[in-house]
C-alpha atoms as a PDB file:
ATOM      1  CA  MET A   1       0.000   0.000   0.000  1.00  0.00           C
ATOM      2  CA  ARG A   2       1.271   3.482  -0.884  1.00  0.00           C
ATOM      3  CA  TRP A   3      -0.235   6.936  -1.010  1.00  0.00           C
ATOM      4  CA  GLY A   4      -0.149   8.952  -4.236  1.00  0.00           C
ATOM      5  CA  LEU A   5      -0.588  12.230  -2.341  1.00  0.00           C
ATOM      6  CA  GLY A   6       1.118  11.318   0.902  1.00  0.00           C
ATOM      7  CA  ASP A   7       2.531  14.825   1.253  1.00  0.00           C
ATOM      8  CA  VAL A   8      -0.918  16.181   2.229  1.00  0.00           C
ATOM      9  CA  TRP A   9      -1.360  14.148   5.392  1.00  0.00           C
ATOM     10  CA  TRP A  10      -2.361  17.373   7.110  1.00  0.00           C
ATOM     11  CA  LEU A  11      -5.865  16.756   5.696  1.00  0.00           C
ATOM     12  CA  MET A  12      -6.302  14.270   8.564  1.00  0.00           C
ATOM     13  CA  VAL A  13      -6.906  17.247  10.840  1.00  0.00           C
ATOM     14  CA  ILE A  14     -10.372  17.545   9.262  1.00  0.00           C
ATOM     15  CA  PRO A  15     -11.925  14.518  11.046  1.00  0.00           C
ATOM     16  CA  ILE A  16     -10.056  15.465  14.241  1.00  0.00           C
ATOM     17  CA  PHE A  17     -11.512  18.949  13.988  1.00  0.00           C
ATOM     18  CA  SER A  18     -14.995  17.396  13.484  1.00  0.00           C
ATOM     19  CA  ILE A  19     -14.628  15.373  16.697  1.00  0.00           C
ATOM     20  CA  ALA A  20     -13.542  18.469  18.590  1.00  0.00           C
ATOM     21  CA  LEU A  21     -16.472  20.412  17.156  1.00  0.00           C
ATOM     22  CA  PHE A  22     -19.001  17.743  18.193  1.00  0.00           C
ATOM     23  CA  ALA A  23     -17.499  17.584  21.703  1.00  0.00           C
ATOM     24  CA  TYR A  24     -17.785  21.350  21.936  1.00  0.00           C
ATOM     25  CA  GLY A  25     -21.440  21.122  20.817  1.00  0.00           C
ATOM     26  CA  HIS A  26     -22.242  18.636  23.616  1.00  0.00           C
ATOM     27  CA  SER A  27     -20.622  20.942  26.146  1.00  0.00           C
ATOM     28  CA  VAL A  28     -22.627  23.936  24.888  1.00  0.00           C
ATOM     29  CA  ARG A  29     -25.892  21.963  25.088  1.00  0.00           C
ATOM     30  CA  ARG A  30     -25.260  20.957  28.700  1.00  0.00           C
ATOM     31  CA  SER A  31     -24.465  24.539  29.570  1.00  0.00           C
ATOM     32  CA  ILE A  32     -27.691  25.760  27.950  1.00  0.00           C
ATOM     33  CA  VAL A  33     -29.774  23.141  29.808  1.00  0.00           C
ATOM     34  CA  ARG A  34     -28.268  24.203  33.171  1.00  0.00           C
ATOM     35  CA  ARG A  35     -29.039  27.876  32.504  1.00  0.00           C
ATOM     36  CA  ALA A  36     -32.583  27.187  31.238  1.00  0.00           C
ATOM     37  CA  GLY A  37     -33.964  26.303  34.698  1.00  0.00           C
ATOM     38  CA  SER A  38     -34.876  23.001  36.330  1.00  0.00           C
ATOM     39  CA  VAL A  39     -32.688  20.262  34.892  1.00  0.00           C
ATOM     40  CA  GLN A  40     -35.345  17.576  35.569  1.00  0.00           C
ATOM     41  CA  LEU A  41     -38.021  19.608  33.766  1.00  0.00           C
ATOM     42  CA  ILE A  42     -35.816  20.309  30.725  1.00  0.00           C
ATOM     43  CA  GLN A  43     -34.862  16.638  30.473  1.00  0.00           C
ATOM     44  CA  LYS A  44     -38.557  15.638  30.450  1.00  0.00           C
ATOM     45  CA  LEU A  45     -39.216  18.154  27.657  1.00  0.00           C
ATOM     46  CA  ILE A  46     -36.433  16.719  25.481  1.00  0.00           C
ATOM     47  CA  SER A  47     -36.904  13.093  26.523  1.00  0.00           C
ATOM     48  CA  SER A  48     -37.877  12.144  22.956  1.00  0.00           C
ATOM     49  CA  LEU A  49     -34.376  13.015  21.813  1.00  0.00           C
ATOM     50  CA  SER A  50     -31.814  10.210  22.062  1.00  0.00           C
ATOM     51  CA  VAL A  51     -28.279  11.156  23.026  1.00  0.00           C
ATOM     52  CA  GLU A  52     -27.123   7.720  21.921  1.00  0.00           C
ATOM     53  CA  ARG A  53     -28.605   8.209  18.458  1.00  0.00           C
ATOM     54  CA  ARG A  54     -26.968  11.627  18.175  1.00  0.00           C
ATOM     55  CA  LEU A  55     -23.613  10.087  19.088  1.00  0.00           C
ATOM     56  CA  VAL A  56     -24.120   7.353  16.470  1.00  0.00           C
ATOM     57  CA  LYS A  57     -24.909   9.969  13.800  1.00  0.00           C
ATOM     58  CA  GLN A  58     -21.830  11.945  14.705  1.00  0.00           C
ATOM     59  CA  LEU A  59     -19.696   8.794  14.694  1.00  0.00           C
ATOM     60  CA  LEU A  60     -20.980   7.900  11.230  1.00  0.00           C
ATOM     61  CA  PHE A  61     -20.210  11.413  10.010  1.00  0.00           C
ATOM     62  CA  VAL A  62     -16.657  11.359  11.424  1.00  0.00           C
ATOM     63  CA  LEU A  63     -16.000   7.922   9.895  1.00  0.00           C
ATOM     64  CA  ALA A  64     -17.296   9.133   6.520  1.00  0.00           C
ATOM     65  CA  ILE A  65     -15.096  12.242   6.595  1.00  0.00           C
ATOM     66  CA  THR A  66     -12.095  10.116   7.571  1.00  0.00           C
ATOM     67  CA  LEU A  67     -12.686   7.767   4.627  1.00  0.00           C
ATOM     68  CA  ILE A  68     -13.102  10.713   2.241  1.00  0.00           C
ATOM     69  CA  VAL A  69      -9.787  12.162   3.395  1.00  0.00           C
ATOM     70  CA  LEU A  70      -8.101   8.770   2.931  1.00  0.00           C
ATOM     71  CA  ALA A  71      -9.552   8.566  -0.586  1.00  0.00           C
ATOM     72  CA  ALA A  72      -8.186  12.054  -1.324  1.00  0.00           C
ATOM     73  CA  LEU A  73      -4.704  10.826  -0.371  1.00  0.00           C
ATOM     74  CA  ARG A  74      -4.938   8.411  -3.344  1.00  0.00           C
ATOM     75  CA  PRO A  75      -4.339   4.986  -1.805  1.00  0.00           C
ATOM     76  CA  GLN A  76      -2.565   2.676  -4.266  1.00  0.00           C
ATOM     77  CA  TYR A  77      -1.877  -1.020  -4.141  1.00  0.00           C
ATOM     78  CA  GLY A  78      -0.224  -3.300  -6.676  1.00  0.00           C
ATOM     79  CA  ARG A  79       1.585  -2.106  -9.756  1.00  0.00           C
ATOM     80  CA  ARG A  80       1.962  -2.978 -13.403  1.00  0.00           C
ATOM     81  CA  PRO A  81       4.772  -2.190 -15.876  1.00  0.00           C
ATOM     82  CA  GLN A  82       4.106   0.327 -18.616  1.00  0.00           C
ATOM     83  CA  THR A  83       6.327   1.238 -21.564  1.00  0.00           C
ATOM     84  CA  LEU A  84       6.454   4.905 -22.500  1.00  0.00           C
ATOM     85  CA  ARG A  85       7.533   5.968 -25.968  1.00  0.00           C
ATOM     86  CA  GLN A  86       8.142   9.381 -27.427  1.00  0.00           C
ATOM     87  CA  THR A  87       8.921   9.596 -31.112  1.00  0.00           C
ATOM     88  CA  GLY A  88      10.889  12.093 -33.138  1.00  0.00           C
ATOM     89  CA  VAL A  89      14.091  12.917 -34.949  1.00  0.00           C
ATOM     90  CA  ASP A  90      17.312  14.290 -33.468  1.00  0.00           C
ATOM     91  CA  ILE A  91      18.484  17.322 -35.477  1.00  0.00           C
ATOM     92  CA  ALA A  92      21.796  19.109 -34.972  1.00  0.00           C
ATOM     93  CA  ILE A  93      21.607  22.450 -36.786  1.00  0.00           C
ATOM     94  CA  ALA A  94      24.966  23.863 -37.878  1.00  0.00           C
ATOM     95  CA  PHE A  95      24.202  27.542 -38.499  1.00  0.00           C
ATOM     96  CA  ASP A  96      26.698  29.641 -40.461  1.00  0.00           C
ATOM     97  CA  ILE A  97      27.193  33.103 -38.939  1.00  0.00           C
ATOM     98  CA  SER A  98      30.348  34.022 -40.821  1.00  0.00           C
ATOM     99  CA  LYS A  99      30.611  37.488 -42.370  1.00  0.00           C
ATOM    100  CA  SER A 100      29.799  36.134 -45.819  1.00  0.00           C
ATOM    101  CA  MET A 101      26.293  35.482 -44.474  1.00  0.00           C
ATOM    102  CA  LEU A 102      25.839  39.276 -44.286  1.00  0.00           C
ATOM    103  CA  ALA A 103      25.681  39.401 -48.102  1.00  0.00           C
ATOM    104  CA  ARG A 104      22.388  40.805 -49.328  1.00  0.00           C
ATOM    105  CA  ASP A 105      21.661  38.713 -52.391  1.00  0.00           C
ATOM    106  CA  VAL A 106      18.887  37.272 -50.187  1.00  0.00           C
ATOM    107  CA  HIS A 107      16.713  39.981 -48.651  1.00  0.00           C
ATOM    108  CA  PRO A 108      17.340  41.487 -46.134  1.00  0.00           C
ATOM    109  CA  SER A 109      20.554  39.458 -45.771  1.00  0.00           C
ATOM    110  CA  ARG A 110      21.508  35.815 -45.949  1.00  0.00           C
ATOM    111  CA  LEU A 111      21.820  35.682 -42.167  1.00  0.00           C
ATOM    112  CA  ASP A 112      18.485  37.315 -41.360  1.00  0.00           C
ATOM    113  CA  ALA A 113      16.601  35.353 -44.015  1.00  0.00           C
ATOM    114  CA  ALA A 114      18.123  32.074 -42.791  1.00  0.00           C
ATOM    115  CA  ARG A 115      17.309  32.988 -39.192  1.00  0.00           C
ATOM    116  CA  THR A 116      13.664  33.573 -40.121  1.00  0.00           C
ATOM    117  CA  LEU A 117      13.504  30.342 -42.113  1.00  0.00           C
ATOM    118  CA  LEU A 118      14.977  28.337 -39.221  1.00  0.00           C
ATOM    119  CA  SER A 119      12.511  29.871 -36.741  1.00  0.00           C
ATOM    120  CA  GLN A 120       9.641  28.832 -39.005  1.00  0.00           C
ATOM    121  CA  LEU A 121      11.134  25.368 -39.380  1.00  0.00           C
ATOM    122  CA  MET A 122      11.306  24.819 -35.626  1.00  0.00           C
ATOM    123  CA  GLU A 123       7.616  25.667 -35.322  1.00  0.00           C
ATOM    124  CA  GLU A 124       6.965  22.685 -37.599  1.00  0.00           C
ATOM    125  CA  LEU A 125       9.049  20.257 -35.544  1.00  0.00           C
ATOM    126  CA  LYS A 126       6.714  18.334 -33.262  1.00  0.00           C
ATOM    127  CA  GLY A 127       8.301  15.809 -30.922  1.00  0.00           C
ATOM    128  CA  ASP A 128      11.766  16.329 -32.413  1.00  0.00           C
ATOM    129  CA  ARG A 129      14.866  17.290 -30.452  1.00  0.00           C
ATOM    130  CA  VAL A 130      17.036  20.101 -31.762  1.00  0.00           C
ATOM    131  CA  ALA A 131      20.603  21.221 -31.057  1.00  0.00           C
ATOM    132  CA  LEU A 132      22.177  24.468 -32.276  1.00  0.00           C
ATOM    133  CA  VAL A 133      25.789  24.733 -33.446  1.00  0.00           C
ATOM    134  CA  PRO A 134      26.788  28.237 -34.641  1.00  0.00           C
ATOM    135  CA  PHE A 135      29.991  28.369 -36.632  1.00  0.00           C
ATOM    136  CA  ALA A 136      32.318  30.664 -38.528  1.00  0.00           C
ATOM    137  CA  GLY A 137      36.073  30.078 -38.257  1.00  0.00           C
ATOM    138  CA  ILE A 138      35.261  27.860 -35.269  1.00  0.00           C
ATOM    139  CA  ALA A 139      32.166  25.950 -34.207  1.00  0.00           C
ATOM    140  CA  PHE A 140      30.666  25.529 -30.745  1.00  0.00           C
ATOM    141  CA  THR A 141      27.542  24.106 -29.138  1.00  0.00           C
ATOM    142  CA  GLN A 142      25.078  26.862 -28.285  1.00  0.00           C
ATOM    143  CA  SER A 143      22.326  24.458 -27.215  1.00  0.00           C
ATOM    144  CA  PRO A 144      22.488  20.672 -26.708  1.00  0.00           C
ATOM    145  CA  LEU A 145      19.703  18.398 -27.897  1.00  0.00           C
ATOM    146  CA  THR A 146      16.431  19.598 -26.449  1.00  0.00           C
ATOM    147  CA  ALA A 147      12.724  19.357 -27.225  1.00  0.00           C
ATOM    148  CA  ASP A 148      12.317  22.995 -26.149  1.00  0.00           C
ATOM    149  CA  GLN A 149      12.417  24.723 -29.532  1.00  0.00           C
ATOM    150  CA  GLY A 150      11.516  28.013 -27.861  1.00  0.00           C
ATOM    151  CA  ALA A 151      14.835  28.068 -26.006  1.00  0.00           C
ATOM    152  CA  VAL A 152      16.734  27.345 -29.234  1.00  0.00           C
ATOM    153  CA  LYS A 153      14.941  30.233 -30.957  1.00  0.00           C
ATOM    154  CA  LEU A 154      16.062  32.580 -28.189  1.00  0.00           C
ATOM    155  CA  TYR A 155      19.668  31.548 -28.765  1.00  0.00           C
ATOM    156  CA  LEU A 156      19.189  31.922 -32.499  1.00  0.00           C
ATOM    157  CA  ASP A 157      18.003  35.519 -32.201  1.00  0.00           C
ATOM    158  CA  SER A 158      21.150  36.492 -30.312  1.00  0.00           C
ATOM    159  CA  LEU A 159      23.677  35.153 -32.843  1.00  0.00           C
ATOM    160  CA  ASP A 160      25.909  37.856 -34.323  1.00  0.00           C
ATOM    161  CA  PRO A 161      28.943  37.431 -36.645  1.00  0.00           C
ATOM    162  CA  ALA A 162      30.706  40.226 -34.761  1.00  0.00           C
ATOM    163  CA  GLN A 163      30.772  38.045 -31.637  1.00  0.00           C
ATOM    164  CA  MET A 164      32.718  35.225 -33.270  1.00  0.00           C
ATOM    165  CA  PRO A 165      36.349  35.240 -32.097  1.00  0.00           C
ATOM    166  CA  VAL A 166      37.629  33.660 -35.316  1.00  0.00           C
ATOM    167  CA  GLY A 167      36.524  34.763 -38.782  1.00  0.00           C
ATOM    168  CA  GLY A 168      36.172  32.683 -41.906  1.00  0.00           C
ATOM    169  CA  THR A 169      34.084  29.533 -42.431  1.00  0.00           C
ATOM    170  CA  ASN A 170      35.065  26.102 -41.129  1.00  0.00           C
ATOM    171  CA  LEU A 171      32.555  23.542 -42.366  1.00  0.00           C
ATOM    172  CA  ALA A 172      34.638  20.619 -41.091  1.00  0.00           C
ATOM    173  CA  MET A 173      34.500  21.834 -37.490  1.00  0.00           C
ATOM    174  CA  ALA A 174      30.765  22.476 -37.780  1.00  0.00           C
ATOM    175  CA  LEU A 175      30.183  18.931 -39.000  1.00  0.00           C
ATOM    176  CA  GLU A 176      32.418  17.443 -36.289  1.00  0.00           C
ATOM    177  CA  GLU A 177      30.591  19.369 -33.555  1.00  0.00           C
ATOM    178  CA  GLY A 178      27.232  18.223 -34.875  1.00  0.00           C
ATOM    179  CA  ILE A 179      28.397  14.590 -35.044  1.00  0.00           C
ATOM    180  CA  LYS A 180      29.637  14.819 -31.454  1.00  0.00           C
ATOM    181  CA  LEU A 181      26.239  16.061 -30.274  1.00  0.00           C
ATOM    182  CA  LEU A 182      24.365  13.301 -32.078  1.00  0.00           C
ATOM    183  CA  THR A 183      26.632  10.499 -30.884  1.00  0.00           C
ATOM    184  CA  GLY A 184      27.719  11.729 -27.448  1.00  0.00           C
ATOM    185  CA  LYS A 185      27.730   9.367 -24.481  1.00  0.00           C
ATOM    186  CA  GLN A 186      25.702  11.850 -22.443  1.00  0.00           C
ATOM    187  CA  ASP A 187      22.782  11.280 -24.816  1.00  0.00           C
ATOM    188  CA  ARG A 188      21.213   8.200 -23.275  1.00  0.00           C
ATOM    189  CA  GLY A 189      19.065   5.769 -25.171  1.00  0.00           C
ATOM    190  CA  ASP A 190      19.311   3.441 -28.107  1.00  0.00           C
ATOM    191  CA  LYS A 191      20.807   5.717 -30.766  1.00  0.00           C
ATOM    192  CA  SER A 192      20.489   3.072 -33.447  1.00  0.00           C
ATOM    193  CA  SER A 193      16.699   3.251 -33.169  1.00  0.00           C
ATOM    194  CA  ARG A 194      16.509   7.006 -33.815  1.00  0.00           C
ATOM    195  CA  SER A 195      16.790   9.015 -36.994  1.00  0.00           C
ATOM    196  CA  ARG A 196      19.592  11.564 -36.695  1.00  0.00           C
ATOM    197  CA  VAL A 197      20.046  14.558 -38.965  1.00  0.00           C
ATOM    198  CA  LEU A 198      22.816  17.115 -39.286  1.00  0.00           C
ATOM    199  CA  LEU A 199      21.368  20.189 -41.001  1.00  0.00           C
ATOM    200  CA  LEU A 200      23.872  22.638 -42.487  1.00  0.00           C
ATOM    201  CA  ILE A 201      22.547  26.165 -43.020  1.00  0.00           C
ATOM    202  CA  THR A 202      25.279  27.946 -44.941  1.00  0.00           C
ATOM    203  CA  ASP A 203      26.321  29.554 -48.203  1.00  0.00           C
ATOM    204  CA  GLY A 204      28.796  26.701 -48.632  1.00  0.00           C
ATOM    205  CA  GLU A 205      31.951  28.799 -48.680  1.00  0.00           C
ATOM    206  CA  ASP A 206      34.832  27.061 -46.908  1.00  0.00           C
ATOM    207  CA  VAL A 207      38.005  29.093 -46.523  1.00  0.00           C
ATOM    208  CA  ALA A 208      40.069  26.137 -45.310  1.00  0.00           C
ATOM    209  CA  THR A 209      43.364  25.715 -47.173  1.00  0.00           C
ATOM    210  CA  ASP A 210      42.558  22.090 -48.024  1.00  0.00           C
ATOM    211  CA  GLN A 211      39.681  23.173 -50.320  1.00  0.00           C
ATOM    212  CA  GLY A 212      37.043  21.416 -48.241  1.00  0.00           C
ATOM    213  CA  GLU A 213      38.841  18.080 -47.837  1.00  0.00           C
ATOM    214  CA  ALA A 214      38.463  18.140 -44.049  1.00  0.00           C
ATOM    215  CA  ALA A 215      34.738  18.817 -44.448  1.00  0.00           C
ATOM    216  CA  LYS A 216      34.457  15.853 -46.842  1.00  0.00           C
ATOM    217  CA  LYS A 217      36.149  13.583 -44.294  1.00  0.00           C
ATOM    218  CA  ALA A 218      33.723  14.787 -41.635  1.00  0.00           C
ATOM    219  CA  ALA A 219      30.767  14.053 -43.932  1.00  0.00           C
ATOM    220  CA  THR A 220      32.101  10.543 -44.514  1.00  0.00           C
ATOM    221  CA  LYS A 221      32.390  10.095 -40.760  1.00  0.00           C
ATOM    222  CA  ALA A 222      28.760  11.165 -40.383  1.00  0.00           C
ATOM    223  CA  ALA A 223      27.736   8.448 -42.820  1.00  0.00           C
ATOM    224  CA  LYS A 224      29.587   5.816 -40.780  1.00  0.00           C
ATOM    225  CA  GLU A 225      27.703   6.985 -37.680  1.00  0.00           C
ATOM    226  CA  GLY A 226      24.370   6.670 -39.470  1.00  0.00           C
ATOM    227  CA  ILE A 227      23.783  10.428 -39.585  1.00  0.00           C
ATOM    228  CA  THR A 228      21.933  12.006 -42.494  1.00  0.00           C
ATOM    229  CA  VAL A 229      23.362  15.340 -43.674  1.00  0.00           C
ATOM    230  CA  PHE A 230      21.010  17.872 -45.199  1.00  0.00           C
ATOM    231  CA  SER A 231      21.870  21.396 -46.254  1.00  0.00           C
ATOM    232  CA  ILE A 232      19.962  24.601 -46.785  1.00  0.00           C
ATOM    233  CA  ALA A 233      22.095  26.526 -49.281  1.00  0.00           C
ATOM    234  CA  VAL A 234      21.579  30.229 -48.549  1.00  0.00           C
ATOM    235  CA  GLY A 235      22.461  32.698 -51.289  1.00  0.00           C
ATOM    236  CA  THR A 236      22.645  32.924 -55.072  1.00  0.00           C
ATOM    237  CA  ARG A 237      25.124  31.529 -57.566  1.00  0.00           C
ATOM    238  CA  VAL A 238      25.725  35.027 -58.939  1.00  0.00           C
ATOM    239  CA  GLY A 239      26.829  36.209 -55.531  1.00  0.00           C
ATOM    240  CA  GLU A 240      27.106  39.555 -53.802  1.00  0.00           C
ATOM    241  CA  PRO A 241      29.916  41.649 -52.270  1.00  0.00           C
ATOM    242  CA  ILE A 242      30.353  41.085 -48.547  1.00  0.00           C
ATOM    243  CA  PRO A 243      29.205  44.242 -46.746  1.00  0.00           C
ATOM    244  CA  VAL A 244      30.872  45.918 -43.816  1.00  0.00           C
ATOM    245  CA  VAL A 245      28.329  46.580 -41.077  1.00  0.00           C
ATOM    246  CA  ASN A 246      28.733  49.095 -38.263  1.00  0.00           C
ATOM    247  CA  ASP A 247      27.852  48.288 -34.658  1.00  0.00           C
ATOM    248  CA  ASP A 248      24.485  50.017 -35.107  1.00  0.00           C
ATOM    249  CA  GLY A 249      23.684  47.829 -38.132  1.00  0.00           C
ATOM    250  CA  SER A 250      24.268  50.538 -40.725  1.00  0.00           C
ATOM    251  CA  HIS A 251      26.048  49.808 -44.001  1.00  0.00           C
ATOM    252  CA  ALA A 252      29.678  50.951 -44.188  1.00  0.00           C
ATOM    253  CA  GLY A 253      30.757  49.785 -47.613  1.00  0.00           C
ATOM    254  CA  TYR A 254      32.149  46.425 -48.725  1.00  0.00           C
ATOM    255  CA  GLN A 255      35.058  44.230 -47.758  1.00  0.00           C
ATOM    256  CA  LYS A 256      37.960  44.566 -50.201  1.00  0.00           C
ATOM    257  CA  ASP A 257      40.876  42.371 -51.121  1.00  0.00           C
ATOM    258  CA  SER A 258      44.526  43.400 -51.243  1.00  0.00           C
ATOM    259  CA  SER A 259      44.014  44.997 -54.666  1.00  0.00           C
ATOM    260  CA  GLY A 260      41.134  47.112 -53.420  1.00  0.00           C
ATOM    261  CA  LYS A 261      38.388  45.183 -55.203  1.00  0.00           C
ATOM    262  CA  PRO A 262      35.189  44.135 -53.380  1.00  0.00           C
ATOM    263  CA  VAL A 263      35.216  40.564 -52.033  1.00  0.00           C
ATOM    264  CA  TYR A 264      32.377  38.570 -53.592  1.00  0.00           C
ATOM    265  CA  SER A 265      30.624  35.707 -51.865  1.00  0.00           C
ATOM    266  CA  ARG A 266      28.903  33.136 -54.075  1.00  0.00           C
ATOM    267  CA  LEU A 267      26.853  30.089 -53.234  1.00  0.00           C
ATOM    268  CA  ASN A 268      29.125  27.026 -53.302  1.00  0.00           C
ATOM    269  CA  ILE A 269      26.446  24.535 -54.257  1.00  0.00           C
ATOM    270  CA  ASP A 270      28.958  21.989 -55.580  1.00  0.00           C
ATOM    271  CA  LEU A 271      30.662  21.533 -52.202  1.00  0.00           C
ATOM    272  CA  LEU A 272      27.324  21.185 -50.420  1.00  0.00           C
ATOM    273  CA  ASN A 273      26.168  18.570 -52.931  1.00  0.00           C
ATOM    274  CA  THR A 274      29.393  16.664 -52.350  1.00  0.00           C
ATOM    275  CA  LEU A 275      29.107  16.766 -48.553  1.00  0.00           C
ATOM    276  CA  THR A 276      25.512  15.549 -48.504  1.00  0.00           C
ATOM    277  CA  SER A 277      26.167  12.809 -51.047  1.00  0.00           C
ATOM    278  CA  LEU A 278      29.146  11.539 -49.013  1.00  0.00           C
ATOM    279  CA  SER A 279      26.806  11.015 -46.051  1.00  0.00           C
ATOM    280  CA  ASP A 280      24.543   8.994 -48.343  1.00  0.00           C
ATOM    281  CA  PRO A 281      26.909   6.529 -50.061  1.00  0.00           C
ATOM    282  CA  GLU A 282      24.046   4.264 -51.136  1.00  0.00           C
ATOM    283  CA  GLY A 283      22.100   7.119 -52.721  1.00  0.00           C
ATOM    284  CA  LYS A 284      18.932   6.517 -50.693  1.00  0.00           C
ATOM    285  CA  LYS A 285      18.009  10.189 -50.692  1.00  0.00           C
ATOM    286  CA  SER A 286      17.616  11.863 -54.075  1.00  0.00           C
ATOM    287  CA  ARG A 287      17.573  15.364 -52.621  1.00  0.00           C
ATOM    288  CA  ARG A 288      19.522  16.670 -49.676  1.00  0.00           C
ATOM    289  CA  VAL A 289      20.461  20.224 -50.662  1.00  0.00           C
ATOM    290  CA  PHE A 290      17.739  22.882 -50.692  1.00  0.00           C
ATOM    291  CA  GLU A 291      18.619  26.179 -52.308  1.00  0.00           C
ATOM    292  CA  PHE A 292      17.222  29.226 -50.559  1.00  0.00           C
ATOM    293  CA  ASP A 293      17.304  32.629 -52.231  1.00  0.00           C
ATOM    294  CA  GLY A 294      14.161  34.004 -50.612  1.00  0.00           C
ATOM    295  CA  GLN A 295      11.940  33.199 -53.588  1.00  0.00           C
ATOM    296  CA  GLN A 296      11.001  29.509 -53.468  1.00  0.00           C
ATOM    297  CA  ASP A 297       9.144  27.664 -50.713  1.00  0.00           C
ATOM    298  CA  THR A 298      12.183  25.983 -49.172  1.00  0.00           C
ATOM    299  CA  LEU A 299      10.482  25.462 -45.824  1.00  0.00           C
ATOM    300  CA  SER A 300       7.855  22.992 -47.019  1.00  0.00           C
ATOM    301  CA  MET A 301      10.458  20.991 -48.936  1.00  0.00           C
ATOM    302  CA  VAL A 302      12.675  20.633 -45.869  1.00  0.00           C
ATOM    303  CA  VAL A 303       9.703  19.714 -43.656  1.00  0.00           C
ATOM    304  CA  ASP A 304       8.591  17.063 -46.152  1.00  0.00           C
ATOM    305  CA  GLU A 305      12.044  15.473 -46.196  1.00  0.00           C
ATOM    306  CA  LEU A 306      12.272  15.431 -42.401  1.00  0.00           C
ATOM    307  CA  ASP A 307       8.799  13.926 -42.149  1.00  0.00           C
ATOM    308  CA  SER A 308       9.805  11.186 -44.553  1.00  0.00           C
ATOM    309  CA  LEU A 309      12.521  10.025 -42.200  1.00  0.00           C
ATOM    310  CA  GLN A 310      11.629   7.164 -39.947  1.00  0.00           C
ATOM    311  CA  LYS A 311      10.159   8.487 -36.704  1.00  0.00           C
ATOM    312  CA  SER A 312      11.775   6.537 -33.935  1.00  0.00           C
ATOM    313  CA  ALA A 313      11.743   6.377 -30.188  1.00  0.00           C
ATOM    314  CA  LEU A 314      13.515   9.226 -28.409  1.00  0.00           C
ATOM    315  CA  GLN A 315      12.910   7.399 -25.207  1.00  0.00           C
ATOM    316  CA  ALA A 316      11.764   3.885 -24.528  1.00  0.00           C
ATOM    317  CA  SER A 317      11.573   3.547 -20.805  1.00  0.00           C
ATOM    318  CA  MET A 318       9.781   1.244 -18.427  1.00  0.00           C
ATOM    319  CA  ARG A 319       7.947   2.646 -15.459  1.00  0.00           C
ATOM    320  CA  HIS A 320       5.557   1.097 -12.981  1.00  0.00           C
ATOM    321  CA  THR A 321       2.006   2.368 -12.724  1.00  0.00           C
ATOM    322  CA  TYR A 322       0.300   1.815  -9.391  1.00  0.00           C
ATOM    323  CA  ASN A 323      -3.326   0.711  -9.207  1.00  0.00           C
ATOM    324  CA  GLU A 324      -5.619   3.327  -7.680  1.00  0.00           C
ATOM    325  CA  LYS A 325      -7.735   2.064  -4.735  1.00  0.00           C
ATOM    326  CA  TYR A 326      -9.477   5.264  -3.647  1.00  0.00           C
ATOM    327  CA  GLN A 327     -12.886   3.790  -4.520  1.00  0.00           C
ATOM    328  CA  TYR A 328     -12.593   1.309  -1.609  1.00  0.00           C
ATOM    329  CA  PHE A 329     -12.647   4.309   0.732  1.00  0.00           C
ATOM    330  CA  LEU A 330     -14.946   6.624  -1.178  1.00  0.00           C
ATOM    331  CA  PHE A 331     -17.897   4.290  -1.693  1.00  0.00           C
ATOM    332  CA  PRO A 332     -18.215   3.289   2.017  1.00  0.00           C
ATOM    333  CA  ALA A 333     -17.930   6.971   2.919  1.00  0.00           C
ATOM    334  CA  LEU A 334     -20.885   7.821   0.696  1.00  0.00           C
ATOM    335  CA  LEU A 335     -22.923   4.983   2.231  1.00  0.00           C
ATOM    336  CA  LEU A 336     -22.118   6.200   5.738  1.00  0.00           C
ATOM    337  CA  LEU A 337     -23.157   9.750   4.836  1.00  0.00           C
ATOM    338  CA  LEU A 338     -26.406   8.427   3.378  1.00  0.00           C
ATOM    339  CA  LEU A 339     -27.085   6.372   6.511  1.00  0.00           C
ATOM    340  CA  GLU A 340     -26.250   9.323   8.765  1.00  0.00           C
ATOM    341  CA  SER A 341     -28.672  11.570   6.887  1.00  0.00           C
ATOM    342  CA  ARG A 342     -31.508   9.025   7.208  1.00  0.00           C
ATOM    343  CA  LEU A 343     -30.975   8.180  10.898  1.00  0.00           C
ATOM    344  CA  SER A 344     -33.264  10.125  13.251  1.00  0.00           C
ATOM    345  CA  GLU A 345     -32.168  11.469  16.649  1.00  0.00           C
ATOM    346  CA  ARG A 346     -35.642  10.782  18.185  1.00  0.00           C
ATOM    347  CA  ARG A 347     -36.368   7.606  20.043  1.00  0.00           C
ATOM    348  CA  GLY A 348     -38.384   4.853  18.383  1.00  0.00           C
ATOM    349  CA  ARG A 349     -38.246   6.299  14.863  1.00  0.00           C
ATOM    350  CA  GLY A 350     -35.317   4.313  13.412  1.00  0.00           C
ATOM    351  CA  VAL A 351     -34.452   5.868  10.088  1.00  0.00           C
ATOM    352  CA  ARG A 352     -36.381   8.665   8.407  1.00  0.00           C
ATOM    353  CA  SER A 353     -38.843   7.631   5.743  1.00  0.00           C
END
């Protein structure tokens, strides 16, 4: 036997208070009889009333209240195992906040448009866990896997390229950080039974000296871990000069190279196609890169692809559910209250008709 609401034992003061109240009522009655005049005369006048019957009624009432309180404490006895399952997909979002994402070939900028798109995407994710990995020249975990998309959106709104300590774009580090989140030992559960996605949101430019070779190795590693790599390619193939933005957000010209010419940033769709295909060596997914220039409905395409992935258990846990036994207290209490209401205090009348 256990009590589901054992922390409210103070409710037991209710029947104790009832007993005290009845005792006080008896004392008041005796006092009134003594002050009314001749005790013998008063007793003859109220001789039809039975003190014993009154005590029985009060006893029935106190017992009923006690049983009701015990029922409110949720008595439980016996238990049965129950398996709980929550389904969804684990998604590590590698979000590019390098300065090239300030280019304005996507209105109002690649960064702002991608931020809006990602916020809309998270509103569509029901039952999925999301992690956020901002990256530029380095990558770091802003938010571990969580089902609280609202918290991730708060982090997303605060991302600023000016806050990154290292400039440039390091796709390899972003992929490695995402893989670590999706395969970490701290993430309990049967990982093999869950669909895991690493979503790159970037213009695809990689300034590493190895021309993206490290990123390709990381994508191959993701495939070995059973991780699907998708990419939202933000920008246009024509490109746009990278703007210089003041602290107040105003435009201050364009970045220039050593010869004084503006530095252009173009969508590197070829590298993104290569990275996503490396994580799909068997070619199971025909489309993994979604171009986003602010014109087409990229959101619905991404949502459709995520929905097509096998929904698997985020958590398969066994817990014991206890059998509720409150009815064994509540039903007798109702019967006692019914009997108490029908029982008369006058002699020879039994119960009221």
